[in-house]
Amino acid sequence: ADAGSLEGDLLVGETATYTATYVIEQTAVDAGGFSNSVLADGDSPADTNVDDTSDDGDDTDGNTEDDPTETTIAEAPAIEAVKTVAITNDVAPVGASLGDTVEYTITVTNTGNVTLDGVGIVDTFEDANGNPLTLLTGPTFVSADAGSLEGDLLVGETATYTATYVIEQTAVDAGGFSNSVLADGDSP
């Protein structure tokens, strides 16, 4: 207190100062921010109670009394998909050839600052001539490294999916095949 009073007492015209700290949590980021207000009260010598709700100190916002201090956090959702391929059953001859089994590993990472839901992938699989091909399995959700269920991604979390394909004659005749994935999700 600027006149030296102990906590709980205030002289006429005296100001007491309090501080509080908060470590921003993911729920506050997902909500777009947070607000804080305080109610101060005290009693006169005749036991008359007085109180006041805090003001944010910004009268330019049009609210000059009893408005909470608001902190806005801009959402910046972002997602990144990476796909790798490996031959898991290499029949003769060595290297990609008819009858080989290839496995795709797809990772989808939440690279933004907010939790994502509705996360999904759309797989495009075609031969070198642009004709659609059919995967043997997948893409199938395997897991998320922070434990989220399929469709949800925490900030920094990576979900893994797999898919397999057995090389068919049509792909050999076309001179190869390609596979890409589009990942998307929704911010709060």
N, C-alpha and C. Protein backbone atom coordinates (compact mmCIF):
# COMPACT_ATOMS: atom_id res chain seq x y z
N ALA A 1 0.86 -1.17 0.00
CA ALA A 1 0.00 0.00 0.00
C ALA A 1 0.91 1.23 0.00
N ASP A 2 0.54 2.22 -0.78
CA ASP A 2 1.45 3.35 -0.98
C ASP A 2 1.58 4.27 0.24
N ALA A 3 0.73 4.11 1.26
CA ALA A 3 0.90 4.89 2.49
C ALA A 3 1.38 4.00 3.64
N GLY A 4 1.71 2.76 3.31
CA GLY A 4 2.30 1.86 4.30
C GLY A 4 1.33 1.02 5.09
N SER A 5 0.05 1.02 4.79
CA SER A 5 -0.90 0.19 5.53
C SER A 5 -0.62 -1.29 5.29
N LEU A 6 -0.99 -2.10 6.27
CA LEU A 6 -0.87 -3.55 6.14
C LEU A 6 -2.01 -4.07 5.25
N GLU A 7 -1.84 -5.28 4.75
CA GLU A 7 -2.88 -5.86 3.92
C GLU A 7 -4.20 -5.93 4.68
N GLY A 8 -5.26 -5.49 4.02
CA GLY A 8 -6.58 -5.49 4.64
C GLY A 8 -7.03 -4.14 5.15
N ASP A 9 -6.11 -3.17 5.23
CA ASP A 9 -6.46 -1.82 5.68
C ASP A 9 -6.11 -0.83 4.59
N LEU A 10 -6.94 0.21 4.46
CA LEU A 10 -6.66 1.29 3.50
C LEU A 10 -7.03 2.62 4.13
N LEU A 11 -6.08 3.54 4.14
CA LEU A 11 -6.35 4.91 4.58
C LEU A 11 -7.07 5.66 3.46
N VAL A 12 -7.67 6.78 3.78
CA VAL A 12 -8.34 7.60 2.77
C VAL A 12 -7.31 7.99 1.70
N GLY A 13 -7.64 7.73 0.41
CA GLY A 13 -6.76 8.08 -0.71
C GLY A 13 -5.62 7.10 -0.94
N GLU A 14 -5.48 6.08 -0.10
CA GLU A 14 -4.38 5.13 -0.24
C GLU A 14 -4.73 4.09 -1.32
N THR A 15 -3.69 3.61 -1.98
CA THR A 15 -3.85 2.57 -3.01
C THR A 15 -3.03 1.35 -2.61
N ALA A 16 -3.69 0.20 -2.62
CA ALA A 16 -3.00 -1.07 -2.38
C ALA A 16 -2.79 -1.76 -3.73
N THR A 17 -1.65 -2.40 -3.90
CA THR A 17 -1.34 -3.08 -5.15
C THR A 17 -1.20 -4.58 -4.90
N TYR A 18 -1.82 -5.36 -5.76
CA TYR A 18 -1.75 -6.83 -5.72
C TYR A 18 -1.26 -7.30 -7.08
N THR A 19 -0.64 -8.44 -7.13
CA THR A 19 -0.23 -9.02 -8.41
C THR A 19 -0.73 -10.45 -8.49
N ALA A 20 -0.92 -10.92 -9.70
CA ALA A 20 -1.31 -12.31 -9.96
C ALA A 20 -0.64 -12.73 -11.26
N THR A 21 -0.33 -13.99 -11.39
CA THR A 21 0.27 -14.51 -12.61
C THR A 21 -0.55 -15.68 -13.13
N TYR A 22 -0.46 -15.90 -14.41
CA TYR A 22 -1.16 -17.00 -15.07
C TYR A 22 -0.28 -17.52 -16.19
N VAL A 23 -0.11 -18.80 -16.25
CA VAL A 23 0.60 -19.42 -17.37
C VAL A 23 -0.46 -19.86 -18.37
N ILE A 24 -0.37 -19.35 -19.58
CA ILE A 24 -1.40 -19.61 -20.59
C ILE A 24 -1.46 -21.10 -20.90
N GLU A 25 -2.66 -21.66 -20.79
CA GLU A 25 -2.90 -23.07 -21.07
C GLU A 25 -3.54 -23.23 -22.44
N GLN A 26 -3.47 -24.46 -22.97
CA GLN A 26 -4.01 -24.73 -24.29
C GLN A 26 -5.50 -24.42 -24.38
N THR A 27 -6.24 -24.67 -23.30
CA THR A 27 -7.68 -24.38 -23.34
C THR A 27 -7.95 -22.90 -23.59
N ALA A 28 -7.10 -22.03 -23.04
CA ALA A 28 -7.27 -20.59 -23.27
C ALA A 28 -6.94 -20.22 -24.71
N VAL A 29 -5.91 -20.85 -25.28
CA VAL A 29 -5.56 -20.60 -26.68
C VAL A 29 -6.70 -21.06 -27.57
N ASP A 30 -7.21 -22.28 -27.31
CA ASP A 30 -8.32 -22.82 -28.11
C ASP A 30 -9.56 -21.94 -28.02
N ALA A 31 -9.75 -21.29 -26.86
CA ALA A 31 -10.92 -20.42 -26.67
C ALA A 31 -10.72 -19.05 -27.30
N GLY A 32 -9.52 -18.74 -27.73
CA GLY A 32 -9.25 -17.44 -28.35
C GLY A 32 -8.82 -16.37 -27.37
N GLY A 33 -8.61 -16.76 -26.11
CA GLY A 33 -8.14 -15.78 -25.14
C GLY A 33 -8.75 -16.03 -23.78
N PHE A 34 -8.62 -15.04 -22.90
CA PHE A 34 -9.14 -15.16 -21.55
C PHE A 34 -9.39 -13.77 -20.98
N SER A 35 -10.17 -13.72 -19.92
CA SER A 35 -10.45 -12.43 -19.28
C SER A 35 -10.31 -12.59 -17.77
N ASN A 36 -10.09 -11.46 -17.12
CA ASN A 36 -9.88 -11.46 -15.69
C ASN A 36 -10.48 -10.19 -15.10
N SER A 37 -11.18 -10.36 -13.99
CA SER A 37 -11.67 -9.20 -13.25
C SER A 37 -11.57 -9.52 -11.77
N VAL A 38 -11.63 -8.47 -10.96
CA VAL A 38 -11.54 -8.65 -9.51
C VAL A 38 -12.61 -7.81 -8.84
N LEU A 39 -13.14 -8.34 -7.76
CA LEU A 39 -14.09 -7.60 -6.94
C LEU A 39 -13.37 -7.24 -5.64
N ALA A 40 -13.26 -5.94 -5.38
CA ALA A 40 -12.65 -5.47 -4.13
C ALA A 40 -13.75 -4.99 -3.21
N ASP A 41 -13.63 -5.34 -1.93
CA ASP A 41 -14.60 -4.83 -0.97
C ASP A 41 -13.94 -4.56 0.37
N GLY A 42 -14.60 -3.78 1.16
CA GLY A 42 -14.10 -3.44 2.49
C GLY A 42 -15.21 -2.84 3.33
N ASP A 43 -14.91 -2.67 4.61
CA ASP A 43 -15.91 -2.16 5.56
C ASP A 43 -15.43 -0.85 6.17
N SER A 44 -16.37 0.08 6.32
CA SER A 44 -16.07 1.36 7.00
C SER A 44 -16.07 1.11 8.51
N PRO A 45 -15.62 2.13 9.31
CA PRO A 45 -15.67 1.97 10.77
C PRO A 45 -17.08 1.69 11.30
N ALA A 46 -18.13 2.11 10.56
CA ALA A 46 -19.51 1.85 10.98
C ALA A 46 -20.04 0.56 10.35
N ASP A 47 -19.14 -0.26 9.82
CA ASP A 47 -19.48 -1.54 9.18
C ASP A 47 -20.34 -1.38 7.93
N THR A 48 -20.19 -0.28 7.21
CA THR A 48 -20.83 -0.14 5.90
C THR A 48 -19.91 -0.79 4.88
N ASN A 49 -20.45 -1.73 4.14
CA ASN A 49 -19.65 -2.44 3.14
C ASN A 49 -19.66 -1.66 1.84
N VAL A 50 -18.48 -1.54 1.23
CA VAL A 50 -18.34 -0.93 -0.10
C VAL A 50 -17.60 -1.92 -0.99
N ASP A 51 -17.93 -1.91 -2.29
CA ASP A 51 -17.23 -2.81 -3.22
C ASP A 51 -17.16 -2.18 -4.59
N ASP A 52 -16.26 -2.69 -5.40
CA ASP A 52 -16.11 -2.23 -6.78
C ASP A 52 -15.49 -3.35 -7.60
N THR A 53 -16.00 -3.51 -8.82
CA THR A 53 -15.43 -4.47 -9.77
C THR A 53 -14.38 -3.74 -10.60
N SER A 54 -13.29 -4.42 -10.87
CA SER A 54 -12.16 -3.79 -11.56
C SER A 54 -12.53 -3.32 -12.96
N ASP A 55 -11.77 -2.36 -13.42
CA ASP A 55 -11.85 -1.81 -14.77
C ASP A 55 -10.54 -2.15 -15.45
N ASP A 56 -10.58 -2.33 -16.76
CA ASP A 56 -9.35 -2.72 -17.47
C ASP A 56 -8.40 -1.55 -17.72
N GLY A 57 -8.80 -0.32 -17.37
CA GLY A 57 -7.93 0.83 -17.55
C GLY A 57 -7.92 1.39 -18.96
N ASP A 58 -8.71 0.79 -19.86
CA ASP A 58 -8.77 1.27 -21.24
C ASP A 58 -10.15 1.86 -21.49
N ASP A 59 -10.27 3.15 -21.34
CA ASP A 59 -11.56 3.80 -21.55
C ASP A 59 -11.84 4.06 -23.03
N THR A 60 -10.86 3.84 -23.90
CA THR A 60 -11.07 4.04 -25.34
C THR A 60 -11.92 2.93 -25.94
N ASP A 61 -12.13 1.83 -25.17
CA ASP A 61 -12.94 0.73 -25.69
C ASP A 61 -14.44 0.98 -25.52
N GLY A 62 -14.81 2.14 -24.98
CA GLY A 62 -16.21 2.47 -24.80
C GLY A 62 -16.79 2.02 -23.48
N ASN A 63 -16.07 1.20 -22.75
CA ASN A 63 -16.53 0.74 -21.45
C ASN A 63 -15.63 1.37 -20.39
N THR A 64 -16.19 2.25 -19.60
CA THR A 64 -15.36 3.02 -18.66
C THR A 64 -15.41 2.49 -17.24
N GLU A 65 -16.26 1.52 -16.96
CA GLU A 65 -16.35 0.97 -15.60
C GLU A 65 -16.59 -0.53 -15.64
N ASP A 66 -16.06 -1.18 -14.66
CA ASP A 66 -16.38 -2.59 -14.37
C ASP A 66 -16.25 -3.52 -15.58
N ASP A 67 -15.24 -3.33 -16.39
CA ASP A 67 -15.05 -4.25 -17.51
C ASP A 67 -13.80 -5.10 -17.28
N PRO A 68 -13.88 -6.38 -17.60
CA PRO A 68 -12.75 -7.27 -17.35
C PRO A 68 -11.56 -6.94 -18.26
N THR A 69 -10.40 -7.31 -17.78
CA THR A 69 -9.19 -7.20 -18.59
C THR A 69 -9.16 -8.42 -19.50
N GLU A 70 -9.23 -8.17 -20.79
CA GLU A 70 -9.31 -9.27 -21.76
C GLU A 70 -8.01 -9.39 -22.53
N THR A 71 -7.58 -10.62 -22.72
CA THR A 71 -6.39 -10.92 -23.51
C THR A 71 -6.83 -11.82 -24.66
N THR A 72 -6.64 -11.36 -25.88
CA THR A 72 -7.02 -12.12 -27.06
C THR A 72 -5.80 -12.86 -27.59
N ILE A 73 -6.02 -14.11 -27.96
CA ILE A 73 -4.96 -14.91 -28.58
C ILE A 73 -5.44 -15.31 -29.96
N ALA A 74 -4.73 -14.86 -30.98
CA ALA A 74 -5.11 -15.18 -32.36
C ALA A 74 -4.82 -16.65 -32.65
N GLU A 75 -5.82 -17.33 -33.22
CA GLU A 75 -5.57 -18.72 -33.59
C GLU A 75 -4.78 -18.76 -34.88
N ALA A 76 -3.89 -19.73 -34.95
CA ALA A 76 -3.08 -19.94 -36.15
C ALA A 76 -3.03 -21.44 -36.43
N PRO A 77 -4.16 -21.99 -36.92
CA PRO A 77 -4.18 -23.42 -37.19
C PRO A 77 -3.28 -23.78 -38.37
N ALA A 78 -2.62 -24.92 -38.27
CA ALA A 78 -1.78 -25.40 -39.37
C ALA A 78 -1.63 -26.91 -39.24
N ILE A 79 -1.48 -27.56 -40.38
CA ILE A 79 -1.35 -29.01 -40.41
C ILE A 79 -0.32 -29.38 -41.47
N GLU A 80 0.43 -30.45 -41.23
CA GLU A 80 1.42 -30.90 -42.20
C GLU A 80 1.31 -32.42 -42.38
N ALA A 81 1.25 -32.84 -43.63
CA ALA A 81 1.19 -34.27 -43.95
C ALA A 81 2.48 -34.68 -44.66
N VAL A 82 3.02 -35.83 -44.24
CA VAL A 82 4.22 -36.39 -44.87
C VAL A 82 3.94 -37.85 -45.16
N LYS A 83 4.34 -38.30 -46.34
CA LYS A 83 4.13 -39.69 -46.72
C LYS A 83 5.45 -40.29 -47.17
N THR A 84 5.76 -41.47 -46.66
CA THR A 84 6.95 -42.21 -47.08
C THR A 84 6.51 -43.59 -47.55
N VAL A 85 7.36 -44.22 -48.35
CA VAL A 85 7.04 -45.55 -48.88
C VAL A 85 8.24 -46.47 -48.72
N ALA A 86 7.95 -47.74 -48.47
CA ALA A 86 9.00 -48.76 -48.36
C ALA A 86 8.47 -50.07 -48.93
N ILE A 87 9.34 -50.78 -49.61
CA ILE A 87 8.97 -52.11 -50.10
C ILE A 87 9.09 -53.06 -48.91
N THR A 88 7.98 -53.72 -48.56
CA THR A 88 7.99 -54.61 -47.39
C THR A 88 8.05 -56.08 -47.80
N ASN A 89 7.77 -56.38 -49.06
CA ASN A 89 7.89 -57.75 -49.58
C ASN A 89 8.43 -57.63 -51.00
N ASP A 90 9.76 -57.76 -51.13
CA ASP A 90 10.43 -57.55 -52.41
C ASP A 90 10.64 -58.90 -53.09
N VAL A 91 9.79 -59.18 -54.10
CA VAL A 91 9.97 -60.42 -54.87
C VAL A 91 10.90 -60.12 -56.04
N ALA A 92 11.48 -61.16 -56.60
CA ALA A 92 12.44 -60.98 -57.69
C ALA A 92 11.77 -60.29 -58.87
N PRO A 93 12.47 -59.42 -59.57
CA PRO A 93 13.82 -58.94 -59.31
C PRO A 93 13.83 -57.91 -58.16
N VAL A 94 15.00 -57.60 -57.66
CA VAL A 94 15.15 -56.66 -56.56
C VAL A 94 14.72 -55.27 -57.02
N GLY A 95 14.02 -54.57 -56.14
CA GLY A 95 13.50 -53.24 -56.47
C GLY A 95 12.04 -53.34 -56.83
N ALA A 96 11.40 -52.21 -56.99
CA ALA A 96 9.96 -52.20 -57.28
C ALA A 96 9.66 -52.97 -58.55
N SER A 97 8.84 -54.02 -58.41
CA SER A 97 8.47 -54.85 -59.56
C SER A 97 7.14 -55.54 -59.27
N LEU A 98 6.61 -56.19 -60.29
CA LEU A 98 5.33 -56.87 -60.20
C LEU A 98 5.28 -57.80 -58.99
N GLY A 99 4.21 -57.67 -58.18
CA GLY A 99 4.01 -58.53 -57.03
C GLY A 99 4.61 -58.03 -55.73
N ASP A 100 5.45 -57.01 -55.79
CA ASP A 100 6.03 -56.46 -54.55
C ASP A 100 4.93 -55.79 -53.71
N THR A 101 5.09 -55.87 -52.41
CA THR A 101 4.19 -55.16 -51.51
C THR A 101 4.91 -53.91 -51.03
N VAL A 102 4.23 -52.76 -51.19
CA VAL A 102 4.78 -51.49 -50.70
C VAL A 102 3.88 -51.00 -49.57
N GLU A 103 4.51 -50.42 -48.57
CA GLU A 103 3.75 -49.86 -47.45
C GLU A 103 4.00 -48.36 -47.37
N TYR A 104 2.92 -47.63 -47.31
CA TYR A 104 2.99 -46.18 -47.14
C TYR A 104 2.78 -45.86 -45.66
N THR A 105 3.60 -44.97 -45.15
CA THR A 105 3.41 -44.44 -43.81
C THR A 105 3.11 -42.95 -43.96
N ILE A 106 1.98 -42.57 -43.43
CA ILE A 106 1.50 -41.19 -43.54
C ILE A 106 1.50 -40.59 -42.13
N THR A 107 2.17 -39.47 -41.97
CA THR A 107 2.12 -38.76 -40.69
C THR A 107 1.45 -37.41 -40.91
N VAL A 108 0.58 -37.08 -39.98
CA VAL A 108 -0.14 -35.81 -40.02
C VAL A 108 0.13 -35.11 -38.69
N THR A 109 0.74 -33.93 -38.74
CA THR A 109 1.15 -33.22 -37.54
C THR A 109 0.42 -31.89 -37.42
N ASN A 110 -0.05 -31.61 -36.22
CA ASN A 110 -0.66 -30.31 -35.92
C ASN A 110 0.49 -29.34 -35.65
N THR A 111 0.79 -28.48 -36.61
CA THR A 111 1.89 -27.53 -36.49
C THR A 111 1.41 -26.13 -36.09
N GLY A 112 0.13 -26.01 -35.78
CA GLY A 112 -0.43 -24.71 -35.40
C GLY A 112 -0.41 -24.51 -33.89
N ASN A 113 -1.22 -23.54 -33.43
CA ASN A 113 -1.25 -23.22 -32.00
C ASN A 113 -2.56 -23.59 -31.33
N VAL A 114 -3.48 -24.23 -32.07
CA VAL A 114 -4.77 -24.63 -31.50
C VAL A 114 -5.03 -26.11 -31.76
N THR A 115 -5.85 -26.71 -30.90
CA THR A 115 -6.25 -28.10 -31.06
C THR A 115 -7.10 -28.23 -32.32
N LEU A 116 -6.91 -29.32 -33.05
CA LEU A 116 -7.69 -29.57 -34.26
C LEU A 116 -8.63 -30.75 -34.05
N ASP A 117 -9.83 -30.65 -34.63
CA ASP A 117 -10.72 -31.81 -34.66
C ASP A 117 -11.19 -32.00 -36.10
N GLY A 118 -11.91 -33.06 -36.33
CA GLY A 118 -12.34 -33.35 -37.70
C GLY A 118 -11.18 -33.63 -38.63
N VAL A 119 -10.04 -34.07 -38.06
CA VAL A 119 -8.86 -34.33 -38.88
C VAL A 119 -9.10 -35.59 -39.72
N GLY A 120 -8.84 -35.47 -40.98
CA GLY A 120 -9.00 -36.60 -41.89
C GLY A 120 -8.03 -36.50 -43.04
N ILE A 121 -7.93 -37.59 -43.78
CA ILE A 121 -7.06 -37.59 -44.95
C ILE A 121 -7.83 -38.13 -46.15
N VAL A 122 -7.47 -37.60 -47.30
CA VAL A 122 -8.00 -38.08 -48.57
C VAL A 122 -6.82 -38.54 -49.39
N ASP A 123 -6.83 -39.80 -49.78
CA ASP A 123 -5.71 -40.40 -50.47
C ASP A 123 -5.98 -40.44 -51.98
N THR A 124 -4.98 -40.04 -52.77
CA THR A 124 -5.07 -40.11 -54.23
C THR A 124 -3.99 -41.07 -54.71
N PHE A 125 -4.42 -42.16 -55.32
CA PHE A 125 -3.50 -43.22 -55.72
C PHE A 125 -3.75 -43.53 -57.19
N GLU A 126 -2.71 -43.35 -58.01
CA GLU A 126 -2.89 -43.55 -59.45
C GLU A 126 -1.61 -44.03 -60.11
N ASP A 127 -1.79 -44.60 -61.32
CA ASP A 127 -0.61 -45.04 -62.06
C ASP A 127 0.06 -43.82 -62.72
N ALA A 128 1.19 -44.06 -63.37
CA ALA A 128 1.96 -42.97 -63.96
C ALA A 128 1.21 -42.25 -65.08
N ASN A 129 0.13 -42.85 -65.58
CA ASN A 129 -0.68 -42.22 -66.61
C ASN A 129 -1.88 -41.48 -66.04
N GLY A 130 -2.01 -41.44 -64.71
CA GLY A 130 -3.12 -40.73 -64.08
C GLY A 130 -4.37 -41.55 -63.87
N ASN A 131 -4.30 -42.85 -64.15
CA ASN A 131 -5.46 -43.71 -63.94
C ASN A 131 -5.53 -44.16 -62.49
N PRO A 132 -6.72 -44.17 -61.89
CA PRO A 132 -6.83 -44.55 -60.48
C PRO A 132 -6.44 -46.01 -60.24
N LEU A 133 -5.77 -46.24 -59.11
CA LEU A 133 -5.42 -47.57 -58.66
C LEU A 133 -6.08 -47.78 -57.30
N THR A 134 -6.14 -49.03 -56.87
CA THR A 134 -6.76 -49.36 -55.59
C THR A 134 -5.73 -49.90 -54.62
N LEU A 135 -5.67 -49.31 -53.44
CA LEU A 135 -4.79 -49.80 -52.39
C LEU A 135 -5.29 -51.14 -51.89
N LEU A 136 -4.38 -51.98 -51.41
CA LEU A 136 -4.76 -53.25 -50.81
C LEU A 136 -5.41 -53.00 -49.45
N THR A 137 -4.78 -52.14 -48.64
CA THR A 137 -5.35 -51.76 -47.34
C THR A 137 -5.12 -50.27 -47.11
N GLY A 138 -6.01 -49.69 -46.32
CA GLY A 138 -5.82 -48.33 -45.83
C GLY A 138 -6.24 -47.25 -46.81
N PRO A 139 -5.86 -46.03 -46.45
CA PRO A 139 -5.08 -45.67 -45.27
C PRO A 139 -5.87 -45.93 -43.98
N THR A 140 -5.16 -46.47 -43.01
CA THR A 140 -5.75 -46.84 -41.72
C THR A 140 -5.04 -46.09 -40.61
N PHE A 141 -5.82 -45.51 -39.70
CA PHE A 141 -5.26 -44.81 -38.54
C PHE A 141 -4.58 -45.83 -37.64
N VAL A 142 -3.33 -45.54 -37.26
CA VAL A 142 -2.56 -46.42 -36.37
C VAL A 142 -2.60 -45.87 -34.95
N SER A 143 -2.15 -44.63 -34.78
CA SER A 143 -2.11 -44.02 -33.45
C SER A 143 -1.74 -42.55 -33.57
N ALA A 144 -1.87 -41.86 -32.43
CA ALA A 144 -1.40 -40.49 -32.32
C ALA A 144 -0.44 -40.46 -31.14
N ASP A 145 0.69 -39.78 -31.31
CA ASP A 145 1.77 -39.87 -30.31
C ASP A 145 1.47 -39.22 -28.96
N ALA A 146 0.37 -38.46 -28.87
CA ALA A 146 -0.02 -37.92 -27.56
C ALA A 146 -1.30 -38.59 -27.06
N GLY A 147 -1.73 -39.62 -27.76
CA GLY A 147 -2.87 -40.41 -27.30
C GLY A 147 -4.23 -39.98 -27.78
N SER A 148 -4.33 -39.00 -28.65
CA SER A 148 -5.64 -38.56 -29.14
C SER A 148 -6.28 -39.66 -29.97
N LEU A 149 -7.60 -39.63 -30.01
CA LEU A 149 -8.35 -40.55 -30.85
C LEU A 149 -8.30 -40.07 -32.30
N GLU A 150 -8.62 -40.97 -33.22
CA GLU A 150 -8.64 -40.60 -34.63
C GLU A 150 -9.55 -39.40 -34.84
N GLY A 151 -9.06 -38.41 -35.58
CA GLY A 151 -9.84 -37.22 -35.89
C GLY A 151 -9.49 -36.01 -35.04
N ASP A 152 -8.72 -36.22 -33.96
CA ASP A 152 -8.31 -35.12 -33.09
C ASP A 152 -6.79 -35.03 -33.06
N LEU A 153 -6.28 -33.81 -33.01
CA LEU A 153 -4.83 -33.60 -32.89
C LEU A 153 -4.56 -32.43 -31.96
N LEU A 154 -3.82 -32.70 -30.90
CA LEU A 154 -3.36 -31.65 -30.01
C LEU A 154 -2.25 -30.86 -30.69
N VAL A 155 -1.92 -29.70 -30.19
CA VAL A 155 -0.82 -28.91 -30.74
C VAL A 155 0.47 -29.72 -30.64
N GLY A 156 1.17 -29.86 -31.76
CA GLY A 156 2.42 -30.61 -31.80
C GLY A 156 2.26 -32.11 -31.93
N GLU A 157 1.05 -32.61 -31.88
CA GLU A 157 0.82 -34.05 -31.95
C GLU A 157 0.88 -34.56 -33.38
N THR A 158 1.34 -35.80 -33.55
CA THR A 158 1.43 -36.43 -34.86
C THR A 158 0.61 -37.71 -34.87
N ALA A 159 -0.26 -37.83 -35.86
CA ALA A 159 -1.03 -39.05 -36.07
C ALA A 159 -0.37 -39.83 -37.20
N THR A 160 -0.39 -41.16 -37.08
CA THR A 160 0.22 -42.02 -38.09
C THR A 160 -0.85 -42.91 -38.71
N TYR A 161 -0.78 -43.02 -40.03
CA TYR A 161 -1.67 -43.88 -40.81
C TYR A 161 -0.79 -44.77 -41.68
N THR A 162 -1.29 -45.94 -42.07
CA THR A 162 -0.57 -46.79 -43.00
C THR A 162 -1.50 -47.25 -44.12
N ALA A 163 -0.89 -47.59 -45.25
CA ALA A 163 -1.61 -48.15 -46.39
C ALA A 163 -0.66 -49.10 -47.12
N THR A 164 -1.20 -50.11 -47.76
CA THR A 164 -0.37 -51.05 -48.51
C THR A 164 -0.91 -51.22 -49.92
N TYR A 165 0.00 -51.61 -50.81
CA TYR A 165 -0.34 -51.84 -52.20
C TYR A 165 0.56 -52.95 -52.73
N VAL A 166 -0.04 -53.89 -53.47
CA VAL A 166 0.74 -54.92 -54.16
C VAL A 166 0.81 -54.49 -55.62
N ILE A 167 2.01 -54.34 -56.12
CA ILE A 167 2.21 -53.81 -57.48
C ILE A 167 1.56 -54.73 -58.51
N GLU A 168 0.67 -54.12 -59.31
CA GLU A 168 -0.08 -54.86 -60.32
C GLU A 168 0.49 -54.59 -61.71
N GLN A 169 0.11 -55.42 -62.66
CA GLN A 169 0.61 -55.30 -64.03
C GLN A 169 0.25 -53.95 -64.64
N THR A 170 -0.93 -53.42 -64.33
CA THR A 170 -1.33 -52.12 -64.91
C THR A 170 -0.37 -51.01 -64.48
N ALA A 171 0.11 -51.07 -63.25
CA ALA A 171 1.07 -50.07 -62.78
C ALA A 171 2.41 -50.25 -63.47
N VAL A 172 2.82 -51.51 -63.68
CA VAL A 172 4.08 -51.79 -64.39
C VAL A 172 3.97 -51.28 -65.83
N ASP A 173 2.85 -51.59 -66.50
CA ASP A 173 2.64 -51.16 -67.88
C ASP A 173 2.64 -49.64 -68.01
N ALA A 174 2.14 -48.94 -66.97
CA ALA A 174 2.08 -47.48 -67.01
C ALA A 174 3.44 -46.86 -66.68
N GLY A 175 4.37 -47.66 -66.20
CA GLY A 175 5.70 -47.15 -65.88
C GLY A 175 5.84 -46.68 -64.44
N GLY A 176 4.86 -46.98 -63.60
CA GLY A 176 4.96 -46.62 -62.19
C GLY A 176 3.64 -46.17 -61.62
N PHE A 177 3.69 -45.66 -60.41
CA PHE A 177 2.49 -45.21 -59.73
C PHE A 177 2.86 -44.11 -58.74
N SER A 178 1.86 -43.35 -58.36
CA SER A 178 2.11 -42.28 -57.37
C SER A 178 0.97 -42.25 -56.37
N ASN A 179 1.30 -41.75 -55.20
CA ASN A 179 0.32 -41.69 -54.14
C ASN A 179 0.54 -40.38 -53.39
N SER A 180 -0.53 -39.66 -53.14
CA SER A 180 -0.44 -38.43 -52.34
C SER A 180 -1.64 -38.39 -51.41
N VAL A 181 -1.52 -37.60 -50.39
CA VAL A 181 -2.60 -37.49 -49.41
C VAL A 181 -2.85 -36.03 -49.10
N LEU A 182 -4.11 -35.69 -48.93
CA LEU A 182 -4.50 -34.35 -48.48
C LEU A 182 -5.03 -34.51 -47.06
N ALA A 183 -4.42 -33.80 -46.13
CA ALA A 183 -4.87 -33.83 -44.73
C ALA A 183 -5.58 -32.53 -44.43
N ASP A 184 -6.67 -32.61 -43.67
CA ASP A 184 -7.35 -31.39 -43.25
C ASP A 184 -7.94 -31.58 -41.87
N GLY A 185 -8.27 -30.48 -41.25
CA GLY A 185 -8.87 -30.49 -39.92
C GLY A 185 -9.46 -29.13 -39.62
N ASP A 186 -10.18 -29.05 -38.51
CA ASP A 186 -10.87 -27.83 -38.14
C ASP A 186 -10.33 -27.26 -36.83
N SER A 187 -10.17 -25.95 -36.78
CA SER A 187 -9.76 -25.27 -35.55
C SER A 187 -10.98 -25.05 -34.67
N PRO A 188 -10.76 -24.66 -33.41
CA PRO A 188 -11.92 -24.40 -32.55
C PRO A 188 -12.82 -23.31 -33.11
